[in-house]
Amino acid sequence: MASVDECRQALQELAGRLDRNAETVRERVDLDRTLACRITDLDTAFHGRLTGGRLIDLTDGDDPKAKIVLSTSSDDLVALVDGGLDIARAVASRRVSIKANPFDLMKLRKLL
């Protein structure tokens, strides 16, 4: 099981990647939504904002009002960010759950 610090580090790495590719991401997915990432096996969460092709204001804690919610285990989060787990397969096998309105889900699919 990955630790809370490893999960935080994985999300910061994801934010860094998005930041480095913000122009490309923004062209594919133009969203401005709050995001919560709930780590099911650690009973912890992180939240931030997906805007302008970037993941910003990433911090510890849940956001119960988040417009997009990703729920997964700590190991699966780390594997997703490292590229060891395909997001489409993880969602199909229910290792990852993404809750969002249908229009946001369609936009997010462009990132997969």
C-alpha atoms as a PDB file:
ATOM      1  CA  MET A   1       0.000   0.000   0.000  1.00  0.00           C
ATOM      2  CA  ALA A   2       1.342   3.412  -0.986  1.00  0.00           C
ATOM      3  CA  SER A   3       1.567   6.054   1.729  1.00  0.00           C
ATOM      4  CA  VAL A   4      -0.251   9.375   1.910  1.00  0.00           C
ATOM      5  CA  ASP A   5       3.029  11.101   1.019  1.00  0.00           C
ATOM      6  CA  GLU A   6       3.473   8.898  -2.068  1.00  0.00           C
ATOM      7  CA  CYS A   7      -0.068   9.740  -3.175  1.00  0.00           C
ATOM      8  CA  ARG A   8       0.550  13.456  -2.615  1.00  0.00           C
ATOM      9  CA  GLN A   9       3.785  13.189  -4.596  1.00  0.00           C
ATOM     10  CA  ALA A  10       2.012  11.362  -7.452  1.00  0.00           C
ATOM     11  CA  LEU A  11      -0.642  14.079  -7.669  1.00  0.00           C
ATOM     12  CA  GLN A  12       2.037  16.783  -7.617  1.00  0.00           C
ATOM     13  CA  GLU A  13       3.813  14.965 -10.456  1.00  0.00           C
ATOM     14  CA  LEU A  14       0.554  14.864 -12.411  1.00  0.00           C
ATOM     15  CA  ALA A  15       0.050  18.592 -11.770  1.00  0.00           C
ATOM     16  CA  GLY A  16       3.602  19.245 -12.980  1.00  0.00           C
ATOM     17  CA  ARG A  17       3.034  17.259 -16.171  1.00  0.00           C
ATOM     18  CA  LEU A  18      -0.195  19.102 -16.879  1.00  0.00           C
ATOM     19  CA  ASP A  19       1.563  22.408 -16.228  1.00  0.00           C
ATOM     20  CA  ARG A  20       4.364  21.567 -18.662  1.00  0.00           C
ATOM     21  CA  ASN A  21       1.772  20.635 -21.314  1.00  0.00           C
ATOM     22  CA  ALA A  22      -0.929  23.186 -20.437  1.00  0.00           C
ATOM     23  CA  GLU A  23      -1.347  24.520 -23.968  1.00  0.00           C
ATOM     24  CA  THR A  24      -1.877  21.067 -25.444  1.00  0.00           C
ATOM     25  CA  VAL A  25      -4.177  19.987 -22.625  1.00  0.00           C
ATOM     26  CA  ARG A  26      -6.208  23.203 -22.844  1.00  0.00           C
ATOM     27  CA  GLU A  27      -6.762  22.638 -26.573  1.00  0.00           C
ATOM     28  CA  ARG A  28      -8.067  19.122 -25.870  1.00  0.00           C
ATOM     29  CA  VAL A  29      -9.926  19.739 -22.615  1.00  0.00           C
ATOM     30  CA  ASP A  30     -11.094  23.223 -21.690  1.00  0.00           C
ATOM     31  CA  LEU A  31     -12.498  22.771 -18.186  1.00  0.00           C
ATOM     32  CA  ASP A  32     -12.710  24.871 -15.068  1.00  0.00           C
ATOM     33  CA  ARG A  33     -13.860  22.470 -12.368  1.00  0.00           C
ATOM     34  CA  THR A  34     -13.084  21.572  -8.786  1.00  0.00           C
ATOM     35  CA  LEU A  35     -11.553  18.131  -8.410  1.00  0.00           C
ATOM     36  CA  ALA A  36     -11.373  15.737  -5.476  1.00  0.00           C
ATOM     37  CA  CYS A  37      -9.216  12.624  -5.375  1.00  0.00           C
ATOM     38  CA  ARG A  38     -10.339  10.194  -2.701  1.00  0.00           C
ATOM     39  CA  ILE A  39      -7.896   7.476  -1.663  1.00  0.00           C
ATOM     40  CA  THR A  40     -10.132   4.661  -0.484  1.00  0.00           C
ATOM     41  CA  ASP A  41      -7.641   2.442   1.360  1.00  0.00           C
ATOM     42  CA  LEU A  42      -6.035   5.321   3.268  1.00  0.00           C
ATOM     43  CA  ASP A  43      -9.285   7.093   4.116  1.00  0.00           C
ATOM     44  CA  THR A  44      -7.811  10.369   2.895  1.00  0.00           C
ATOM     45  CA  ALA A  45      -8.384  12.806   0.059  1.00  0.00           C
ATOM     46  CA  PHE A  46      -6.845  15.646  -1.878  1.00  0.00           C
ATOM     47  CA  HIS A  47      -8.521  18.410  -3.812  1.00  0.00           C
ATOM     48  CA  GLY A  48      -7.681  21.111  -6.301  1.00  0.00           C
ATOM     49  CA  ARG A  49      -8.933  22.793  -9.432  1.00  0.00           C
ATOM     50  CA  LEU A  50      -8.599  21.712 -13.055  1.00  0.00           C
ATOM     51  CA  THR A  51      -8.466  24.891 -15.107  1.00  0.00           C
ATOM     52  CA  GLY A  52      -6.712  26.142 -18.215  1.00  0.00           C
ATOM     53  CA  GLY A  53      -5.099  22.760 -18.785  1.00  0.00           C
ATOM     54  CA  ARG A  54      -3.574  22.834 -15.302  1.00  0.00           C
ATOM     55  CA  LEU A  55      -4.226  21.203 -11.952  1.00  0.00           C
ATOM     56  CA  ILE A  56      -3.824  24.006  -9.424  1.00  0.00           C
ATOM     57  CA  ASP A  57      -4.345  24.654  -5.718  1.00  0.00           C
ATOM     58  CA  LEU A  58      -3.713  20.989  -4.905  1.00  0.00           C
ATOM     59  CA  THR A  59      -4.034  20.444  -1.176  1.00  0.00           C
ATOM     60  CA  ASP A  60      -4.867  17.825   1.423  1.00  0.00           C
ATOM     61  CA  GLY A  61      -8.468  17.166   2.382  1.00  0.00           C
ATOM     62  CA  ASP A  62     -11.715  16.383   0.653  1.00  0.00           C
ATOM     63  CA  ASP A  63     -13.992  18.791  -1.180  1.00  0.00           C
ATOM     64  CA  PRO A  64     -17.522  17.421  -0.822  1.00  0.00           C
ATOM     65  CA  LYS A  65     -18.731  19.947  -3.403  1.00  0.00           C
ATOM     66  CA  ALA A  66     -16.140  18.988  -6.054  1.00  0.00           C
ATOM     67  CA  LYS A  67     -17.574  18.771  -9.561  1.00  0.00           C
ATOM     68  CA  ILE A  68     -15.230  15.912 -10.519  1.00  0.00           C
ATOM     69  CA  VAL A  69     -14.429  13.120  -8.054  1.00  0.00           C
ATOM     70  CA  LEU A  70     -11.859  10.404  -8.652  1.00  0.00           C
ATOM     71  CA  SER A  71     -11.860   7.503  -6.165  1.00  0.00           C
ATOM     72  CA  THR A  72      -9.193   4.809  -6.140  1.00  0.00           C
ATOM     73  CA  SER A  73      -6.736   2.947  -3.948  1.00  0.00           C
ATOM     74  CA  SER A  74      -3.336   4.385  -3.117  1.00  0.00           C
ATOM     75  CA  ASP A  75      -1.449   1.825  -5.226  1.00  0.00           C
ATOM     76  CA  ASP A  76      -3.729   2.372  -8.215  1.00  0.00           C
ATOM     77  CA  LEU A  77      -3.294   6.162  -8.006  1.00  0.00           C
ATOM     78  CA  VAL A  78       0.482   5.820  -8.047  1.00  0.00           C
ATOM     79  CA  ALA A  79       0.290   3.299 -10.914  1.00  0.00           C
ATOM     80  CA  LEU A  80      -2.002   5.602 -12.917  1.00  0.00           C
ATOM     81  CA  VAL A  81       0.351   8.549 -12.609  1.00  0.00           C
ATOM     82  CA  ASP A  82       3.435   6.400 -13.295  1.00  0.00           C
ATOM     83  CA  GLY A  83       1.795   4.990 -16.419  1.00  0.00           C
ATOM     84  CA  GLY A  84       1.637   1.441 -15.106  1.00  0.00           C
ATOM     85  CA  LEU A  85      -2.161   1.369 -15.104  1.00  0.00           C
ATOM     86  CA  ASP A  86      -4.350   2.348 -18.044  1.00  0.00           C
ATOM     87  CA  ILE A  87      -7.153   4.658 -16.908  1.00  0.00           C
ATOM     88  CA  ALA A  88      -9.740   3.255 -19.315  1.00  0.00           C
ATOM     89  CA  ARG A  89      -9.093  -0.303 -18.143  1.00  0.00           C
ATOM     90  CA  ALA A  90      -9.022   0.802 -14.507  1.00  0.00           C
ATOM     91  CA  VAL A  91     -12.422   2.462 -14.858  1.00  0.00           C
ATOM     92  CA  ALA A  92     -13.839  -0.526 -16.736  1.00  0.00           C
ATOM     93  CA  SER A  93     -12.636  -2.904 -14.022  1.00  0.00           C
ATOM     94  CA  ARG A  94     -13.896  -0.552 -11.281  1.00  0.00           C
ATOM     95  CA  ARG A  95     -10.455  -0.023  -9.803  1.00  0.00           C
ATOM     96  CA  VAL A  96     -11.034   3.676 -10.430  1.00  0.00           C
ATOM     97  CA  SER A  97     -14.291   5.569 -10.172  1.00  0.00           C
ATOM     98  CA  ILE A  98     -14.817   8.966 -11.780  1.00  0.00           C
ATOM     99  CA  LYS A  99     -17.936  10.921 -10.918  1.00  0.00           C
ATOM    100  CA  ALA A 100     -18.751  13.978 -12.987  1.00  0.00           C
ATOM    101  CA  ASN A 101     -21.573  15.287 -15.080  1.00  0.00           C
ATOM    102  CA  PRO A 102     -21.865  13.616 -18.511  1.00  0.00           C
ATOM    103  CA  PHE A 103     -20.514  16.623 -20.415  1.00  0.00           C
ATOM    104  CA  ASP A 104     -17.409  16.803 -18.215  1.00  0.00           C
ATOM    105  CA  LEU A 105     -16.875  13.056 -18.610  1.00  0.00           C
ATOM    106  CA  MET A 106     -16.951  13.460 -22.391  1.00  0.00           C
ATOM    107  CA  LYS A 107     -14.320  16.202 -22.172  1.00  0.00           C
ATOM    108  CA  LEU A 108     -12.175  14.162 -19.779  1.00  0.00           C
ATOM    109  CA  ARG A 109     -12.243  11.205 -22.189  1.00  0.00           C
ATOM    110  CA  LYS A 110     -10.082  13.279 -24.512  1.00  0.00           C
ATOM    111  CA  LEU A 111      -7.281  13.011 -21.978  1.00  0.00           C
ATOM    112  CA  LEU A 112      -7.438   9.225 -21.816  1.00  0.00           C
END
